[in-house]
PDB file of N, CA and C in Angstrom:
ATOM      1  N   MET A   1     -50.585 -79.732 -20.812  1.00  0.00           N
ATOM      2  CA  MET A   1     -50.764 -78.646 -21.020  1.00  0.00           C
ATOM      3  C   MET A   1     -49.392 -78.048 -21.598  1.00  0.00           C
ATOM      4  N   ALA A   2     -48.534 -78.427 -21.213  1.00  0.00           N
ATOM      5  CA  ALA A   2     -46.881 -78.220 -20.980  1.00  0.00           C
ATOM      6  C   ALA A   2     -46.046 -79.527 -22.708  1.00  0.00           C
ATOM      7  N   GLU A   3     -47.364 -80.338 -23.266  1.00  0.00           N
ATOM      8  CA  GLU A   3     -46.691 -81.365 -24.054  1.00  0.00           C
ATOM      9  C   GLU A   3     -47.300 -80.227 -25.412  1.00  0.00           C
ATOM     10  N   ALA A   4     -47.628 -78.900 -24.778  1.00  0.00           N
ATOM     11  CA  ALA A   4     -48.150 -78.236 -26.297  1.00  0.00           C
ATOM     12  C   ALA A   4     -46.888 -77.189 -26.905  1.00  0.00           C
ATOM     13  N   ILE A   5     -45.600 -77.434 -26.353  1.00  0.00           N
ATOM     14  CA  ILE A   5     -44.641 -76.343 -26.682  1.00  0.00           C
ATOM     15  C   ILE A   5     -43.634 -77.370 -27.551  1.00  0.00           C
ATOM     16  N   PRO A   6     -43.668 -78.331 -27.651  1.00  0.00           N
ATOM     17  CA  PRO A   6     -42.625 -79.523 -28.521  1.00  0.00           C
ATOM     18  C   PRO A   6     -43.774 -79.296 -29.885  1.00  0.00           C
ATOM     19  N   LEU A   7     -45.399 -79.028 -29.983  1.00  0.00           N
ATOM     20  CA  LEU A   7     -45.944 -79.384 -31.236  1.00  0.00           C
ATOM     21  C   LEU A   7     -45.725 -77.499 -31.436  1.00  0.00           C
ATOM     22  N   LEU A   8     -45.639 -76.983 -31.288  1.00  0.00           N
ATOM     23  CA  LEU A   8     -45.044 -75.705 -31.455  1.00  0.00           C
ATOM     24  C   LEU A   8     -44.230 -75.409 -31.851  1.00  0.00           C
ATOM     25  N   ARG A   9     -43.269 -75.946 -31.694  1.00  0.00           N
ATOM     26  CA  ARG A   9     -42.053 -75.801 -32.681  1.00  0.00           C
ATOM     27  C   ARG A   9     -42.466 -76.227 -33.373  1.00  0.00           C
ATOM     28  N   ARG A  10     -42.603 -77.915 -33.515  1.00  0.00           N
ATOM     29  CA  ARG A  10     -42.473 -78.348 -34.412  1.00  0.00           C
ATOM     30  C   ARG A  10     -43.301 -78.052 -35.771  1.00  0.00           C
ATOM     31  N   TRP A  11     -44.456 -76.900 -35.111  1.00  0.00           N
ATOM     32  CA  TRP A  11     -45.503 -76.091 -36.245  1.00  0.00           C
ATOM     33  C   TRP A  11     -44.537 -75.453 -36.893  1.00  0.00           C
ATOM     34  N   VAL A  12     -43.786 -74.691 -35.761  1.00  0.00           N
ATOM     35  CA  VAL A  12     -42.635 -73.558 -36.510  1.00  0.00           C
ATOM     36  C   VAL A  12     -41.604 -74.021 -37.792  1.00  0.00           C
ATOM     37  N   ARG A  13     -41.565 -74.544 -36.857  1.00  0.00           N
ATOM     38  CA  ARG A  13     -39.778 -75.790 -38.356  1.00  0.00           C
ATOM     39  C   ARG A  13     -41.264 -75.483 -39.401  1.00  0.00           C
ATOM     40  N   LEU A  14     -42.082 -76.775 -39.805  1.00  0.00           N
ATOM     41  CA  LEU A  14     -42.621 -77.007 -41.032  1.00  0.00           C
ATOM     42  C   LEU A  14     -42.995 -75.591 -41.812  1.00  0.00           C
ATOM     43  N   LEU A  15     -43.381 -74.598 -41.258  1.00  0.00           N
ATOM     44  CA  LEU A  15     -43.514 -73.791 -41.863  1.00  0.00           C
ATOM     45  C   LEU A  15     -42.161 -72.560 -42.840  1.00  0.00           C
ATOM     46  N   LEU A  16     -41.466 -72.695 -41.379  1.00  0.00           N
ATOM     47  CA  LEU A  16     -40.167 -71.445 -41.911  1.00  0.00           C
ATOM     48  C   LEU A  16     -39.683 -72.708 -42.348  1.00  0.00           C
ATOM     49  N   VAL A  17     -37.777 -71.842 -42.664  1.00  0.00           N
ATOM     50  CA  VAL A  17     -36.913 -72.510 -43.257  1.00  0.00           C
ATOM     51  C   VAL A  17     -35.637 -72.303 -42.671  1.00  0.00           C
ATOM     52  N   ASP A  18     -34.955 -72.538 -42.401  1.00  0.00           N
ATOM     53  CA  ASP A  18     -33.179 -72.338 -41.978  1.00  0.00           C
ATOM     54  C   ASP A  18     -32.972 -71.533 -41.074  1.00  0.00           C
ATOM     55  N   GLU A  19     -33.025 -70.200 -40.644  1.00  0.00           N
ATOM     56  CA  GLU A  19     -32.875 -69.499 -39.199  1.00  0.00           C
ATOM     57  C   GLU A  19     -33.683 -68.957 -39.443  1.00  0.00           C
ATOM     58  N   LEU A  20     -35.215 -68.527 -40.038  1.00  0.00           N
ATOM     59  CA  LEU A  20     -35.783 -68.244 -39.759  1.00  0.00           C
ATOM     60  C   LEU A  20     -36.704 -69.480 -38.595  1.00  0.00           C
ATOM     61  N   ALA A  21     -36.587 -70.287 -38.146  1.00  0.00           N
ATOM     62  CA  ALA A  21     -37.030 -71.656 -38.389  1.00  0.00           C
ATOM     63  C   ALA A  21     -36.631 -71.676 -36.756  1.00  0.00           C
ATOM     64  N   GLU A  22     -35.062 -71.407 -36.687  1.00  0.00           N
ATOM     65  CA  GLU A  22     -34.864 -71.554 -35.259  1.00  0.00           C
ATOM     66  C   GLU A  22     -35.169 -70.897 -34.829  1.00  0.00           C
ATOM     67  N   ALA A  23     -34.982 -69.263 -34.773  1.00  0.00           N
ATOM     68  CA  ALA A  23     -34.966 -67.997 -34.143  1.00  0.00           C
ATOM     69  C   ALA A  23     -36.692 -68.182 -33.361  1.00  0.00           C
ATOM     70  N   PHE A  24     -37.143 -68.498 -34.454  1.00  0.00           N
ATOM     71  CA  PHE A  24     -39.307 -68.652 -33.850  1.00  0.00           C
ATOM     72  C   PHE A  24     -39.345 -69.406 -33.084  1.00  0.00           C
ATOM     73  N   GLU A  25     -38.465 -71.070 -33.521  1.00  0.00           N
ATOM     74  CA  GLU A  25     -38.990 -72.000 -32.616  1.00  0.00           C
ATOM     75  C   GLU A  25     -38.662 -71.873 -31.575  1.00  0.00           C
ATOM     76  N   LEU A  26     -36.897 -71.248 -31.193  1.00  0.00           N
ATOM     77  CA  LEU A  26     -37.094 -70.563 -30.342  1.00  0.00           C
ATOM     78  C   LEU A  26     -37.821 -69.613 -29.891  1.00  0.00           C
ATOM     79  N   ILE A  27     -38.274 -68.941 -30.009  1.00  0.00           N
ATOM     80  CA  ILE A  27     -39.039 -67.100 -29.477  1.00  0.00           C
ATOM     81  C   ILE A  27     -40.584 -68.090 -28.992  1.00  0.00           C
ATOM     82  N   VAL A  28     -41.231 -68.728 -30.159  1.00  0.00           N
ATOM     83  CA  VAL A  28     -42.501 -69.605 -29.501  1.00  0.00           C
ATOM     84  C   VAL A  28     -42.295 -70.206 -28.058  1.00  0.00           C
ATOM     85  N   SER A  29     -41.203 -71.057 -28.386  1.00  0.00           N
ATOM     86  CA  SER A  29     -41.298 -71.461 -27.117  1.00  0.00           C
ATOM     87  C   SER A  29     -41.050 -70.819 -25.981  1.00  0.00           C
ATOM     88  N   GLU A  30     -40.358 -69.858 -25.090  1.00  0.00           N
ATOM     89  CA  GLU A  30     -40.677 -68.894 -24.192  1.00  0.00           C
ATOM     90  C   GLU A  30     -41.488 -68.412 -24.133  1.00  0.00           C
ATOM     91  N   TYR A  31     -42.424 -67.753 -24.977  1.00  0.00           N
ATOM     92  CA  TYR A  31     -43.209 -66.993 -25.100  1.00  0.00           C
ATOM     93  C   TYR A  31     -44.522 -68.162 -24.478  1.00  0.00           C
ATOM     94  N   SER A  32     -44.251 -69.232 -24.746  1.00  0.00           N
ATOM     95  CA  SER A  32     -45.255 -70.541 -24.375  1.00  0.00           C
ATOM     96  C   SER A  32     -45.443 -70.671 -23.326  1.00  0.00           C
ATOM     97  N   THR A  33     -43.646 -70.963 -22.662  1.00  0.00           N
ATOM     98  CA  THR A  33     -43.382 -71.447 -21.410  1.00  0.00           C
ATOM     99  C   THR A  33     -43.655 -70.494 -20.876  1.00  0.00           C
ATOM    100  N   ASN A  34     -43.499 -68.814 -20.829  1.00  0.00           N
ATOM    101  CA  ASN A  34     -44.053 -67.889 -20.135  1.00  0.00           C
ATOM    102  C   ASN A  34     -45.420 -68.221 -19.892  1.00  0.00           C
ATOM    103  N   ALA A  35     -46.316 -68.587 -20.714  1.00  0.00           N
ATOM    104  CA  ALA A  35     -47.972 -68.395 -21.316  1.00  0.00           C
ATOM    105  C   ALA A  35     -48.219 -68.905 -19.628  1.00  0.00           C
ATOM    106  N   LEU A  36     -47.809 -70.092 -20.052  1.00  0.00           N
ATOM    107  CA  LEU A  36     -48.324 -71.536 -19.092  1.00  0.00           C
ATOM    108  C   LEU A  36     -47.706 -70.895 -18.064  1.00  0.00           C
ATOM    109  N   TRP A  37     -46.159 -70.328 -16.866  1.00  0.00           N
ATOM    110  CA  TRP A  37     -45.984 -70.786 -16.459  1.00  0.00           C
ATOM    111  C   TRP A  37     -46.466 -69.204 -15.181  1.00  0.00           C
ATOM    112  N   HIS A  38     -46.696 -68.069 -15.984  1.00  0.00           N
ATOM    113  CA  HIS A  38     -47.266 -67.052 -15.626  1.00  0.00           C
ATOM    114  C   HIS A  38     -48.475 -66.696 -16.149  1.00  0.00           C
ATOM    115  N   THR A  39     -49.813 -67.378 -16.442  1.00  0.00           N
ATOM    116  CA  THR A  39     -51.528 -66.773 -16.195  1.00  0.00           C
ATOM    117  C   THR A  39     -52.086 -68.092 -16.214  1.00  0.00           C
ATOM    118  N   ALA A  40     -53.002 -67.689 -16.663  1.00  0.00           N
ATOM    119  CA  ALA A  40     -54.280 -68.655 -16.645  1.00  0.00           C
ATOM    120  C   ALA A  40     -54.178 -69.841 -18.047  1.00  0.00           C
ATOM    121  N   SER A  41     -53.250 -69.704 -18.585  1.00  0.00           N
ATOM    122  CA  SER A  41     -54.126 -70.978 -19.527  1.00  0.00           C
ATOM    123  C   SER A  41     -53.265 -72.046 -19.053  1.00  0.00           C
ATOM    124  N   SER A  42     -52.518 -71.721 -17.874  1.00  0.00           N
ATOM    125  CA  SER A  42     -51.918 -73.546 -17.210  1.00  0.00           C
ATOM    126  C   SER A  42     -52.772 -74.415 -15.955  1.00  0.00           C
ATOM    127  N   ARG A  43     -53.996 -72.938 -16.761  1.00  0.00           N
ATOM    128  CA  ARG A  43     -55.002 -73.259 -15.473  1.00  0.00           C
ATOM    129  C   ARG A  43     -56.263 -74.543 -16.533  1.00  0.00           C
ATOM    130  N   PRO A  44     -56.898 -75.276 -15.961  1.00  0.00           N
ATOM    131  CA  PRO A  44     -57.701 -76.588 -16.728  1.00  0.00           C
ATOM    132  C   PRO A  44     -58.622 -75.054 -17.113  1.00  0.00           C
ATOM    133  N   GLY A  45     -59.044 -76.248 -18.805  1.00  0.00           N
ATOM    134  CA  GLY A  45     -59.381 -75.699 -20.168  1.00  0.00           C
ATOM    135  C   GLY A  45     -58.806 -74.253 -20.469  1.00  0.00           C
ATOM    136  N   GLY A  46     -57.525 -74.517 -19.739  1.00  0.00           N
ATOM    137  CA  GLY A  46     -56.755 -72.980 -20.912  1.00  0.00           C
ATOM    138  C   GLY A  46     -55.768 -72.736 -21.808  1.00  0.00           C
ATOM    139  N   ARG A  47     -56.328 -72.346 -22.569  1.00  0.00           N
ATOM    140  CA  ARG A  47     -55.497 -72.201 -24.061  1.00  0.00           C
ATOM    141  C   ARG A  47     -54.319 -71.257 -24.226  1.00  0.00           C
ATOM    142  N   ILE A  48     -53.801 -71.449 -25.284  1.00  0.00           N
ATOM    143  CA  ILE A  48     -52.521 -70.593 -25.327  1.00  0.00           C
ATOM    144  C   ILE A  48     -52.866 -71.135 -27.330  1.00  0.00           C
ATOM    145  N   LYS A  49     -52.298 -69.476 -27.976  1.00  0.00           N
ATOM    146  CA  LYS A  49     -52.776 -70.441 -29.286  1.00  0.00           C
ATOM    147  C   LYS A  49     -51.737 -69.211 -30.363  1.00  0.00           C
ATOM    148  N   ALA A  50     -51.692 -69.815 -30.868  1.00  0.00           N
ATOM    149  CA  ALA A  50     -50.017 -69.242 -31.583  1.00  0.00           C
ATOM    150  C   ALA A  50     -50.437 -68.884 -32.933  1.00  0.00           C
ATOM    151  N   GLU A  51     -49.583 -67.618 -34.077  1.00  0.00           N
ATOM    152  CA  GLU A  51     -50.314 -67.067 -35.063  1.00  0.00           C
ATOM    153  C   GLU A  51     -48.632 -66.514 -36.136  1.00  0.00           C
ATOM    154  N   LEU A  52     -49.154 -67.546 -37.373  1.00  0.00           N
ATOM    155  CA  LEU A  52     -47.560 -66.655 -38.129  1.00  0.00           C
ATOM    156  C   LEU A  52     -48.096 -66.077 -38.743  1.00  0.00           C
ATOM    157  N   SER A  53     -46.987 -65.033 -39.322  1.00  0.00           N
ATOM    158  CA  SER A  53     -48.105 -64.372 -40.292  1.00  0.00           C
ATOM    159  C   SER A  53     -46.613 -63.835 -41.566  1.00  0.00           C
ATOM    160  N   ILE A  54     -46.861 -64.708 -42.106  1.00  0.00           N
ATOM    161  CA  ILE A  54     -45.743 -64.693 -43.634  1.00  0.00           C
ATOM    162  C   ILE A  54     -45.870 -63.975 -44.539  1.00  0.00           C
ATOM    163  N   SER A  55     -44.230 -63.090 -44.916  1.00  0.00           N
ATOM    164  CA  SER A  55     -44.580 -62.666 -45.811  1.00  0.00           C
ATOM    165  C   SER A  55     -43.207 -62.871 -46.827  1.00  0.00           C
ATOM    166  N   ARG A  56     -43.016 -61.725 -47.815  1.00  0.00           N
ATOM    167  CA  ARG A  56     -42.121 -61.367 -48.466  1.00  0.00           C
ATOM    168  C   ARG A  56     -40.283 -60.956 -47.132  1.00  0.00           C
ATOM    169  N   LYS A  57     -41.620 -59.748 -46.647  1.00  0.00           N
ATOM    170  CA  LYS A  57     -40.101 -58.518 -46.207  1.00  0.00           C
ATOM    171  C   LYS A  57     -40.467 -59.183 -44.994  1.00  0.00           C
ATOM    172  N   GLN A  58     -41.169 -59.950 -44.214  1.00  0.00           N
ATOM    173  CA  GLN A  58     -41.316 -59.879 -42.575  1.00  0.00           C
ATOM    174  C   GLN A  58     -41.821 -61.473 -41.970  1.00  0.00           C
ATOM    175  N   THR A  59     -41.783 -61.528 -40.708  1.00  0.00           N
ATOM    176  CA  THR A  59     -42.399 -63.219 -40.400  1.00  0.00           C
ATOM    177  C   THR A  59     -42.975 -62.184 -38.701  1.00  0.00           C
ATOM    178  N   ARG A  60     -43.931 -62.279 -37.923  1.00  0.00           N
ATOM    179  CA  ARG A  60     -44.163 -62.420 -37.314  1.00  0.00           C
ATOM    180  C   ARG A  60     -44.986 -62.882 -36.691  1.00  0.00           C
ATOM    181  N   LEU A  61     -44.730 -63.509 -35.346  1.00  0.00           N
ATOM    182  CA  LEU A  61     -45.095 -65.046 -34.635  1.00  0.00           C
ATOM    183  C   LEU A  61     -46.072 -64.014 -33.437  1.00  0.00           C
ATOM    184  N   THR A  62     -47.078 -63.716 -33.400  1.00  0.00           N
ATOM    185  CA  THR A  62     -47.422 -63.855 -32.052  1.00  0.00           C
ATOM    186  C   THR A  62     -48.322 -64.956 -31.349  1.00  0.00           C
ATOM    187  N   VAL A  63     -48.243 -65.146 -30.059  1.00  0.00           N
ATOM    188  CA  VAL A  63     -48.379 -65.796 -28.961  1.00  0.00           C
ATOM    189  C   VAL A  63     -49.364 -65.449 -28.110  1.00  0.00           C
ATOM    190  N   LEU A  64     -50.920 -65.640 -28.256  1.00  0.00           N
ATOM    191  CA  LEU A  64     -51.762 -65.543 -26.911  1.00  0.00           C
ATOM    192  C   LEU A  64     -52.104 -66.270 -26.620  1.00  0.00           C
ATOM    193  N   ASP A  65     -52.632 -66.152 -25.079  1.00  0.00           N
ATOM    194  CA  ASP A  65     -53.089 -67.164 -23.160  1.00  0.00           C
ATOM    195  C   ASP A  65     -54.400 -66.028 -23.063  1.00  0.00           C
ATOM    196  N   ASP A  66     -54.007 -66.904 -22.054  1.00  0.00           N
ATOM    197  CA  ASP A  66     -55.652 -66.822 -21.506  1.00  0.00           C
ATOM    198  C   ASP A  66     -55.398 -65.396 -20.143  1.00  0.00           C
ATOM    199  N   GLY A  67     -54.846 -65.071 -20.197  1.00  0.00           N
ATOM    200  CA  GLY A  67     -54.084 -63.317 -18.859  1.00  0.00           C
ATOM    201  C   GLY A  67     -53.506 -63.541 -17.837  1.00  0.00           C
ATOM    202  N   PRO A  68     -53.490 -62.977 -17.313  1.00  0.00           N
ATOM    203  CA  PRO A  68     -52.644 -63.024 -15.606  1.00  0.00           C
ATOM    204  C   PRO A  68     -53.853 -63.611 -15.246  1.00  0.00           C
ATOM    205  N   ILE A  69     -52.500 -64.722 -13.889  1.00  0.00           N
ATOM    206  CA  ILE A  69     -53.500 -64.658 -12.556  1.00  0.00           C
ATOM    207  C   ILE A  69     -52.845 -64.372 -11.766  1.00  0.00           C
ATOM    208  N   PRO A  70     -52.953 -64.617 -10.387  1.00  0.00           N
ATOM    209  CA  PRO A  70     -52.456 -63.718  -8.946  1.00  0.00           C
ATOM    210  C   PRO A  70     -50.951 -64.850  -9.507  1.00  0.00           C
ATOM    211  N   ALA A  71     -50.275 -64.316  -8.489  1.00  0.00           N
ATOM    212  CA  ALA A  71     -48.414 -64.720  -9.040  1.00  0.00           C
ATOM    213  C   ALA A  71     -48.717 -65.333  -8.013  1.00  0.00           C
ATOM    214  N   ARG A  72     -47.680 -67.180  -8.559  1.00  0.00           N
ATOM    215  CA  ARG A  72     -47.290 -68.337  -7.681  1.00  0.00           C
ATOM    216  C   ARG A  72     -47.219 -68.281  -6.240  1.00  0.00           C
ATOM    217  N   PRO A  73     -47.064 -69.339  -5.583  1.00  0.00           N
ATOM    218  CA  PRO A  73     -46.441 -68.235  -4.698  1.00  0.00           C
ATOM    219  C   PRO A  73     -45.300 -69.958  -4.586  1.00  0.00           C
ATOM    220  N   ASP A  74     -44.645 -70.224  -5.247  1.00  0.00           N
ATOM    221  CA  ASP A  74     -43.843 -70.981  -5.979  1.00  0.00           C
ATOM    222  C   ASP A  74     -42.569 -70.410  -6.837  1.00  0.00           C
ATOM    223  N   GLN A  75     -43.225 -68.657  -6.901  1.00  0.00           N
ATOM    224  CA  GLN A  75     -42.232 -68.188  -7.998  1.00  0.00           C
ATOM    225  C   GLN A  75     -41.080 -68.047  -6.816  1.00  0.00           C
ATOM    226  N   SER A  76     -40.712 -68.094  -5.998  1.00  0.00           N
ATOM    227  CA  SER A  76     -39.529 -67.185  -5.560  1.00  0.00           C
ATOM    228  C   SER A  76     -38.455 -68.473  -5.302  1.00  0.00           C
ATOM    229  N   ALA A  77     -38.493 -68.800  -6.806  1.00  0.00           N
ATOM    230  CA  ALA A  77     -36.358 -69.543  -7.184  1.00  0.00           C
ATOM    231  C   ALA A  77     -36.256 -68.827  -8.300  1.00  0.00           C
ATOM    232  N   ASP A  78     -34.626 -68.949  -7.815  1.00  0.00           N
ATOM    233  CA  ASP A  78     -33.699 -68.133  -7.926  1.00  0.00           C
ATOM    234  C   ASP A  78     -33.039 -67.780  -9.573  1.00  0.00           C
ATOM    235  N   PRO A  79     -33.087 -66.430  -9.692  1.00  0.00           N
ATOM    236  CA  PRO A  79     -33.805 -65.109 -10.993  1.00  0.00           C
ATOM    237  C   PRO A  79     -32.872 -65.235 -11.906  1.00  0.00           C
ATOM    238  N   GLU A  80     -32.025 -65.976 -11.448  1.00  0.00           N
ATOM    239  CA  GLU A  80     -30.814 -67.001 -12.632  1.00  0.00           C
ATOM    240  C   GLU A  80     -31.460 -67.600 -13.399  1.00  0.00           C
ATOM    241  N   GLU A  81     -32.023 -68.595 -12.529  1.00  0.00           N
ATOM    242  CA  GLU A  81     -32.227 -69.451 -13.535  1.00  0.00           C
ATOM    243  C   GLU A  81     -33.659 -69.372 -14.258  1.00  0.00           C
ATOM    244  N   HIS A  82     -34.286 -68.546 -14.378  1.00  0.00           N
ATOM    245  CA  HIS A  82     -35.334 -68.005 -15.067  1.00  0.00           C
ATOM    246  C   HIS A  82     -35.053 -66.709 -16.107  1.00  0.00           C
ATOM    247  N   GLY A  83     -35.630 -66.277 -17.107  1.00  0.00           N
ATOM    248  CA  GLY A  83     -35.704 -65.738 -18.035  1.00  0.00           C
ATOM    249  C   GLY A  83     -34.506 -64.678 -19.095  1.00  0.00           C
ATOM    250  N   ARG A  84     -33.764 -66.228 -18.948  1.00  0.00           N
ATOM    251  CA  ARG A  84     -32.529 -66.013 -19.695  1.00  0.00           C
ATOM    252  C   ARG A  84     -33.286 -66.036 -21.414  1.00  0.00           C
ATOM    253  N   GLY A  85     -33.731 -67.066 -21.278  1.00  0.00           N
ATOM    254  CA  GLY A  85     -34.583 -67.684 -23.147  1.00  0.00           C
ATOM    255  C   GLY A  85     -35.242 -65.991 -23.267  1.00  0.00           C
ATOM    256  N   LEU A  86     -36.029 -65.514 -22.943  1.00  0.00           N
ATOM    257  CA  LEU A  86     -36.744 -64.388 -23.446  1.00  0.00           C
ATOM    258  C   LEU A  86     -35.625 -63.305 -24.305  1.00  0.00           C
ATOM    259  N   LEU A  87     -34.580 -62.852 -22.803  1.00  0.00           N
ATOM    260  CA  LEU A  87     -33.561 -62.395 -23.833  1.00  0.00           C
ATOM    261  C   LEU A  87     -32.895 -62.344 -24.868  1.00  0.00           C
ATOM    262  N   LEU A  88     -32.393 -64.255 -25.978  1.00  0.00           N
ATOM    263  CA  LEU A  88     -32.639 -64.629 -25.976  1.00  0.00           C
ATOM    264  C   LEU A  88     -33.731 -64.188 -27.358  1.00  0.00           C
ATOM    265  N   ALA A  89     -34.693 -64.444 -26.817  1.00  0.00           N
ATOM    266  CA  ALA A  89     -35.929 -64.174 -28.056  1.00  0.00           C
ATOM    267  C   ALA A  89     -35.804 -62.686 -27.962  1.00  0.00           C
ATOM    268  N   TYR A  90     -35.162 -62.031 -27.840  1.00  0.00           N
ATOM    269  CA  TYR A  90     -35.637 -60.655 -27.927  1.00  0.00           C
ATOM    270  C   TYR A  90     -34.107 -60.409 -29.373  1.00  0.00           C
ATOM    271  N   ALA A  91     -33.070 -61.421 -28.959  1.00  0.00           N
ATOM    272  CA  ALA A  91     -31.669 -60.263 -29.060  1.00  0.00           C
ATOM    273  C   ALA A  91     -32.068 -60.772 -31.305  1.00  0.00           C
ATOM    274  N   TYR A  92     -33.087 -62.159 -31.166  1.00  0.00           N
ATOM    275  CA  TYR A  92     -33.575 -62.655 -32.564  1.00  0.00           C
ATOM    276  C   TYR A  92     -34.317 -62.002 -33.759  1.00  0.00           C
ATOM    277  N   ALA A  93     -35.525 -61.349 -32.638  1.00  0.00           N
ATOM    278  CA  ALA A  93     -36.386 -60.464 -33.033  1.00  0.00           C
ATOM    279  C   ALA A  93     -35.729 -58.805 -33.230  1.00  0.00           C
ATOM    280  N   GLY A  94     -36.549 -58.652 -34.611  1.00  0.00           N
ATOM    281  CA  GLY A  94     -36.535 -56.996 -34.812  1.00  0.00           C
ATOM    282  C   GLY A  94     -36.979 -56.510 -34.179  1.00  0.00           C
ATOM    283  N   GLU A  95     -37.711 -56.791 -33.636  1.00  0.00           N
ATOM    284  CA  GLU A  95     -39.296 -55.852 -32.814  1.00  0.00           C
ATOM    285  C   GLU A  95     -39.726 -56.720 -32.203  1.00  0.00           C
ATOM    286  N   THR A  96     -39.663 -56.348 -30.470  1.00  0.00           N
ATOM    287  CA  THR A  96     -41.188 -57.195 -29.858  1.00  0.00           C
ATOM    288  C   THR A  96     -41.909 -56.789 -29.215  1.00  0.00           C
ATOM    289  N   GLY A  97     -43.279 -56.891 -28.788  1.00  0.00           N
ATOM    290  CA  GLY A  97     -43.618 -56.024 -28.497  1.00  0.00           C
ATOM    291  C   GLY A  97     -45.395 -57.221 -27.417  1.00  0.00           C
ATOM    292  N   GLU A  98     -46.265 -56.320 -26.432  1.00  0.00           N
ATOM    293  CA  GLU A  98     -46.991 -57.208 -25.707  1.00  0.00           C
ATOM    294  C   GLU A  98     -48.282 -56.174 -25.664  1.00  0.00           C
ATOM    295  N   TYR A  99     -49.435 -56.595 -25.199  1.00  0.00           N
ATOM    296  CA  TYR A  99     -50.853 -56.320 -25.853  1.00  0.00           C
ATOM    297  C   TYR A  99     -51.786 -57.542 -24.854  1.00  0.00           C
ATOM    298  N   ASP A 100     -52.363 -56.222 -24.075  1.00  0.00           N
ATOM    299  CA  ASP A 100     -53.214 -56.946 -23.646  1.00  0.00           C
ATOM    300  C   ASP A 100     -54.645 -57.202 -24.531  1.00  0.00           C
ATOM    301  N   CYS A 101     -55.360 -58.266 -24.657  1.00  0.00           N
ATOM    302  CA  CYS A 101     -56.156 -58.158 -25.425  1.00  0.00           C
ATOM    303  C   CYS A 101     -57.851 -58.504 -25.242  1.00  0.00           C
ATOM    304  N   ALA A 102     -59.046 -58.847 -25.611  1.00  0.00           N
ATOM    305  CA  ALA A 102     -60.339 -58.811 -25.174  1.00  0.00           C
ATOM    306  C   ALA A 102     -60.063 -60.266 -24.313  1.00  0.00           C
ATOM    307  N   ASP A 103     -59.741 -60.973 -24.602  1.00  0.00           N
ATOM    308  CA  ASP A 103     -59.184 -62.454 -24.125  1.00  0.00           C
ATOM    309  C   ASP A 103     -58.474 -63.182 -23.666  1.00  0.00           C
ATOM    310  N   GLY A 104     -57.384 -62.401 -23.457  1.00  0.00           N
ATOM    311  CA  GLY A 104     -55.959 -62.248 -22.767  1.00  0.00           C
ATOM    312  C   GLY A 104     -55.455 -61.232 -22.552  1.00  0.00           C
ATOM    313  N   HIS A 105     -54.173 -62.416 -23.482  1.00  0.00           N
ATOM    314  CA  HIS A 105     -53.420 -61.045 -23.194  1.00  0.00           C
ATOM    315  C   HIS A 105     -52.379 -61.661 -24.687  1.00  0.00           C
ATOM    316  N   ALA A 106     -51.047 -61.152 -25.729  1.00  0.00           N
ATOM    317  CA  ALA A 106     -49.977 -61.077 -26.701  1.00  0.00           C
ATOM    318  C   ALA A 106     -49.054 -61.190 -26.721  1.00  0.00           C
ATOM    319  N   SER A 107     -48.018 -61.340 -27.273  1.00  0.00           N
ATOM    320  CA  SER A 107     -46.803 -61.149 -26.997  1.00  0.00           C
ATOM    321  C   SER A 107     -45.989 -61.417 -28.612  1.00  0.00           C
ATOM    322  N   TRP A 108     -45.322 -60.919 -29.147  1.00  0.00           N
ATOM    323  CA  TRP A 108     -45.381 -60.851 -30.525  1.00  0.00           C
ATOM    324  C   TRP A 108     -44.038 -60.561 -30.813  1.00  0.00           C
ATOM    325  N   ALA A 109     -43.378 -61.206 -31.411  1.00  0.00           N
ATOM    326  CA  ALA A 109     -42.125 -60.587 -32.555  1.00  0.00           C
ATOM    327  C   ALA A 109     -41.689 -60.952 -33.961  1.00  0.00           C
ATOM    328  N   LEU A 110     -40.731 -59.907 -34.315  1.00  0.00           N
ATOM    329  CA  LEU A 110     -41.330 -59.977 -35.941  1.00  0.00           C
ATOM    330  C   LEU A 110     -39.816 -60.037 -36.835  1.00  0.00           C
ATOM    331  N   ILE A 111     -39.121 -60.266 -37.649  1.00  0.00           N
ATOM    332  CA  ILE A 111     -38.095 -60.215 -38.061  1.00  0.00           C
ATOM    333  C   ILE A 111     -38.526 -60.137 -39.375  1.00  0.00           C
ATOM    334  N   ARG A 112     -37.462 -58.892 -39.844  1.00  0.00           N
ATOM    335  CA  ARG A 112     -37.975 -58.246 -41.639  1.00  0.00           C
ATOM    336  C   ARG A 112     -36.413 -59.429 -41.517  1.00  0.00           C
ATOM    337  N   HIS A 113     -37.184 -59.570 -43.831  1.00  0.00           N
ATOM    338  CA  HIS A 113     -36.142 -60.242 -44.032  1.00  0.00           C
ATOM    339  C   HIS A 113     -35.130 -59.600 -44.471  1.00  0.00           C
TER     340      HIS A 113
END
């Protein structure tokens, strides 16, 4: 499933231009990596779905995953080595959020033009 992350980055690059592409490539990478690390999407049959909504005034990326799983036993890694990418994603996006949905969890980021 980790091979999906570069594909998602390329998909964003094909659909967007300039600084929007750069920002959303980073955001899709972070959101999908977190989905693989922290949710049931990393299990056999797991899914990650990315949606882009593009208009003249704003662009919104939503990454949907299969929802939470119990904490991994190996999450005792140094916290300094994790989480910085999300801070960058939040810095690029004007608005971010997350919500639970019927079949999992969604994280979204919006940039107004």
